[in-house]
């Protein structure tokens, strides 16, 4: 079952990614993914990670069940 994230959630995620990744130095980007933010909506908990290859996201429902793990924005957008 594919998750559905609203356009607003995706917009907020993109804004968070740009904010947090622009604050990271080059040496910070060469390490393992680091959780840099959490977005809690009415249906999902989305964790943003700063990874060497770019931002990654994990999506959980409010009960904590992992729906998607370590996905990029392209994969998240394809789940509509």
N, C-alpha and C. Protein backbone atom coordinates (compact mmCIF):
# COMPACT_ATOMS: atom_id res chain seq x y z
N UNK A 1 0.84 -1.18 0.00
CA UNK A 1 0.00 0.00 0.00
C UNK A 1 0.89 1.24 0.00
N UNK A 2 0.67 2.12 -0.89
CA UNK A 2 1.46 3.34 -1.01
C UNK A 2 0.88 4.42 -0.12
N UNK A 3 1.74 5.19 0.47
CA UNK A 3 1.28 6.28 1.31
C UNK A 3 0.93 7.48 0.45
N UNK A 4 0.08 8.34 0.96
CA UNK A 4 -0.29 9.57 0.26
C UNK A 4 0.04 10.75 1.15
N UNK A 5 0.85 11.62 0.63
CA UNK A 5 1.17 12.83 1.36
C UNK A 5 0.62 14.00 0.56
N UNK A 6 0.00 14.92 1.24
CA UNK A 6 -0.59 16.07 0.58
C UNK A 6 0.47 17.03 0.06
N UNK A 7 0.04 17.89 -0.84
CA UNK A 7 0.95 18.88 -1.43
C UNK A 7 1.55 19.79 -0.36
N UNK A 8 0.76 20.12 0.64
CA UNK A 8 1.26 20.98 1.71
C UNK A 8 2.39 20.29 2.47
N UNK A 9 2.22 19.00 2.77
CA UNK A 9 3.26 18.26 3.48
C UNK A 9 4.54 18.23 2.67
N UNK A 10 4.43 17.98 1.37
CA UNK A 10 5.61 17.94 0.52
C UNK A 10 6.30 19.30 0.46
N UNK A 11 5.51 20.36 0.41
CA UNK A 11 6.08 21.70 0.38
C UNK A 11 6.85 21.99 1.66
N UNK A 12 6.27 21.64 2.78
CA UNK A 12 6.94 21.85 4.07
C UNK A 12 8.22 21.03 4.14
N UNK A 13 8.18 19.80 3.64
CA UNK A 13 9.36 18.93 3.65
C UNK A 13 10.47 19.54 2.81
N UNK A 14 10.12 20.04 1.64
CA UNK A 14 11.13 20.66 0.78
C UNK A 14 11.74 21.87 1.47
N UNK A 15 10.91 22.67 2.11
CA UNK A 15 11.42 23.84 2.82
C UNK A 15 12.35 23.42 3.95
N UNK A 16 11.98 22.38 4.69
CA UNK A 16 12.85 21.88 5.76
C UNK A 16 14.17 21.37 5.21
N UNK A 17 14.10 20.64 4.10
CA UNK A 17 15.31 20.08 3.50
C UNK A 17 16.27 21.19 3.09
N UNK A 18 15.76 22.19 2.43
CA UNK A 18 16.61 23.30 1.99
C UNK A 18 17.22 24.01 3.19
N UNK A 19 16.43 24.25 4.20
CA UNK A 19 16.91 24.94 5.39
C UNK A 19 18.01 24.16 6.10
N UNK A 20 17.76 22.89 6.36
CA UNK A 20 18.73 22.11 7.11
C UNK A 20 19.96 21.76 6.30
N UNK A 21 19.79 21.43 5.03
CA UNK A 21 20.95 21.07 4.24
C UNK A 21 21.83 22.26 3.91
N UNK A 22 21.23 23.43 3.79
CA UNK A 22 22.05 24.61 3.54
C UNK A 22 22.86 24.98 4.77
N UNK A 23 22.43 24.55 5.93
CA UNK A 23 23.15 24.85 7.16
C UNK A 23 24.29 23.87 7.42
N UNK A 24 24.33 22.76 6.69
CA UNK A 24 25.37 21.75 6.88
C UNK A 24 26.63 22.13 6.11
N UNK A 25 27.77 21.90 6.72
CA UNK A 25 29.03 22.12 6.02
C UNK A 25 29.31 20.91 5.13
N UNK A 26 30.29 21.04 4.24
CA UNK A 26 30.64 19.94 3.33
C UNK A 26 31.09 18.71 4.11
N UNK A 27 31.84 18.89 5.19
CA UNK A 27 32.29 17.74 5.97
C UNK A 27 31.13 17.04 6.65
N UNK A 28 30.07 17.77 7.01
CA UNK A 28 28.89 17.16 7.61
C UNK A 28 28.17 16.27 6.61
N UNK A 29 28.23 16.60 5.34
CA UNK A 29 27.51 15.84 4.31
C UNK A 29 28.22 14.54 3.96
N UNK A 30 29.45 14.34 4.40
CA UNK A 30 30.20 13.13 4.08
C UNK A 30 30.09 12.08 5.17
N UNK A 31 29.12 12.20 6.05
CA UNK A 31 28.94 11.25 7.13
C UNK A 31 27.62 10.51 6.94
N UNK A 32 27.32 9.62 7.86
CA UNK A 32 26.08 8.85 7.80
C UNK A 32 24.88 9.79 7.96
N UNK A 33 23.70 9.36 7.48
CA UNK A 33 22.50 10.21 7.61
C UNK A 33 22.24 10.62 9.05
N UNK A 34 21.86 11.86 9.22
CA UNK A 34 21.57 12.42 10.54
C UNK A 34 20.16 12.99 10.51
N UNK A 35 19.35 12.63 11.49
CA UNK A 35 17.99 13.18 11.58
C UNK A 35 18.10 14.67 11.87
N UNK A 36 17.48 15.48 11.00
CA UNK A 36 17.57 16.92 11.15
C UNK A 36 16.23 17.59 11.41
N UNK A 37 15.14 16.84 11.28
CA UNK A 37 13.84 17.44 11.52
C UNK A 37 12.73 16.41 11.52
N UNK A 38 11.65 16.75 12.18
CA UNK A 38 10.48 15.88 12.23
C UNK A 38 9.25 16.73 11.95
N UNK A 39 8.42 16.24 11.05
CA UNK A 39 7.16 16.90 10.71
C UNK A 39 6.03 15.96 11.11
N UNK A 40 5.17 16.41 11.99
CA UNK A 40 4.04 15.59 12.43
C UNK A 40 2.77 16.18 11.86
N UNK A 41 2.04 15.39 11.08
CA UNK A 41 0.77 15.83 10.51
C UNK A 41 -0.34 15.07 11.22
N UNK A 42 -1.55 15.23 10.76
CA UNK A 42 -2.68 14.51 11.37
C UNK A 42 -2.60 13.02 11.13
N UNK A 43 -1.91 12.59 10.06
CA UNK A 43 -1.87 11.18 9.71
C UNK A 43 -0.48 10.55 9.77
N UNK A 44 0.58 11.36 9.65
CA UNK A 44 1.92 10.82 9.50
C UNK A 44 2.93 11.55 10.37
N UNK A 45 4.04 10.86 10.63
CA UNK A 45 5.23 11.45 11.21
C UNK A 45 6.32 11.27 10.17
N UNK A 46 6.87 12.38 9.69
CA UNK A 46 7.88 12.35 8.63
C UNK A 46 9.19 12.83 9.24
N UNK A 47 10.21 12.00 9.15
CA UNK A 47 11.53 12.35 9.67
C UNK A 47 12.44 12.67 8.50
N UNK A 48 13.09 13.80 8.56
CA UNK A 48 14.01 14.27 7.53
C UNK A 48 15.43 13.96 7.96
N UNK A 49 16.20 13.37 7.04
CA UNK A 49 17.60 13.03 7.30
C UNK A 49 18.50 13.76 6.31
N UNK A 50 19.61 14.28 6.80
CA UNK A 50 20.65 14.83 5.93
C UNK A 50 21.61 13.68 5.64
N UNK A 51 21.66 13.25 4.38
CA UNK A 51 22.51 12.13 3.98
C UNK A 51 23.54 12.62 2.96
N UNK A 52 24.64 11.90 2.78
CA UNK A 52 25.66 12.31 1.82
C UNK A 52 25.12 12.51 0.40
N UNK A 53 24.18 11.69 -0.02
CA UNK A 53 23.63 11.78 -1.38
C UNK A 53 22.45 12.74 -1.48
N UNK A 54 22.09 13.39 -0.40
CA UNK A 54 20.95 14.30 -0.41
C UNK A 54 19.95 13.92 0.67
N UNK A 55 18.87 14.69 0.79
CA UNK A 55 17.91 14.44 1.85
C UNK A 55 17.18 13.12 1.67
N UNK A 56 16.93 12.45 2.78
CA UNK A 56 16.14 11.22 2.81
C UNK A 56 15.02 11.41 3.81
N UNK A 57 13.96 10.64 3.65
CA UNK A 57 12.78 10.77 4.50
C UNK A 57 12.31 9.39 4.94
N UNK A 58 11.77 9.34 6.14
CA UNK A 58 11.09 8.14 6.63
C UNK A 58 9.69 8.57 7.04
N UNK A 59 8.71 7.72 6.74
CA UNK A 59 7.32 8.04 7.01
C UNK A 59 6.74 6.96 7.92
N UNK A 60 6.12 7.41 9.01
CA UNK A 60 5.45 6.51 9.95
C UNK A 60 4.02 6.97 10.13
N UNK A 61 3.14 6.02 10.50
CA UNK A 61 1.81 6.47 10.89
C UNK A 61 1.90 6.90 12.35
N UNK A 62 0.82 7.40 12.90
CA UNK A 62 0.85 7.94 14.27
C UNK A 62 1.06 6.87 15.33
N UNK A 63 0.85 5.59 14.97
CA UNK A 63 1.10 4.49 15.90
C UNK A 63 2.57 4.08 15.90
N UNK A 64 3.37 4.66 14.98
CA UNK A 64 4.79 4.34 14.92
C UNK A 64 5.16 3.28 13.90
N UNK A 65 4.18 2.77 13.15
CA UNK A 65 4.46 1.78 12.12
C UNK A 65 5.18 2.46 10.96
N UNK A 66 6.34 1.93 10.58
CA UNK A 66 7.11 2.51 9.49
C UNK A 66 6.44 2.15 8.17
N UNK A 67 6.05 3.18 7.41
CA UNK A 67 5.40 2.98 6.11
C UNK A 67 6.42 3.04 4.98
N UNK A 68 7.37 3.92 5.09
CA UNK A 68 8.46 4.07 4.12
C UNK A 68 9.71 4.44 4.91
N UNK A 69 10.87 3.95 4.46
CA UNK A 69 12.10 4.25 5.19
C UNK A 69 13.20 4.65 4.21
N UNK A 70 13.91 5.71 4.53
CA UNK A 70 15.05 6.19 3.75
C UNK A 70 14.71 6.35 2.27
N UNK A 71 13.65 7.10 1.99
CA UNK A 71 13.26 7.35 0.60
C UNK A 71 13.65 8.78 0.22
N UNK A 72 13.85 9.01 -1.07
CA UNK A 72 14.18 10.35 -1.54
C UNK A 72 12.90 11.05 -2.00
N UNK A 73 13.02 12.30 -2.39
CA UNK A 73 11.84 13.09 -2.78
C UNK A 73 11.17 12.53 -4.02
N UNK A 74 11.96 12.01 -4.97
CA UNK A 74 11.38 11.46 -6.19
C UNK A 74 10.49 10.26 -5.87
N UNK A 75 10.94 9.39 -4.97
CA UNK A 75 10.15 8.24 -4.57
C UNK A 75 8.89 8.67 -3.83
N UNK A 76 9.04 9.67 -2.97
CA UNK A 76 7.90 10.17 -2.22
C UNK A 76 6.86 10.77 -3.16
N UNK A 77 7.29 11.52 -4.16
CA UNK A 77 6.37 12.11 -5.13
C UNK A 77 5.70 11.08 -5.99
N UNK A 78 6.35 9.95 -6.23
CA UNK A 78 5.79 8.89 -7.08
C UNK A 78 4.70 8.11 -6.36
N UNK A 79 4.54 8.32 -5.05
CA UNK A 79 3.57 7.53 -4.29
C UNK A 79 2.16 8.09 -4.35
N UNK A 80 1.94 9.18 -5.10
CA UNK A 80 0.59 9.76 -5.19
C UNK A 80 -0.39 8.83 -5.83
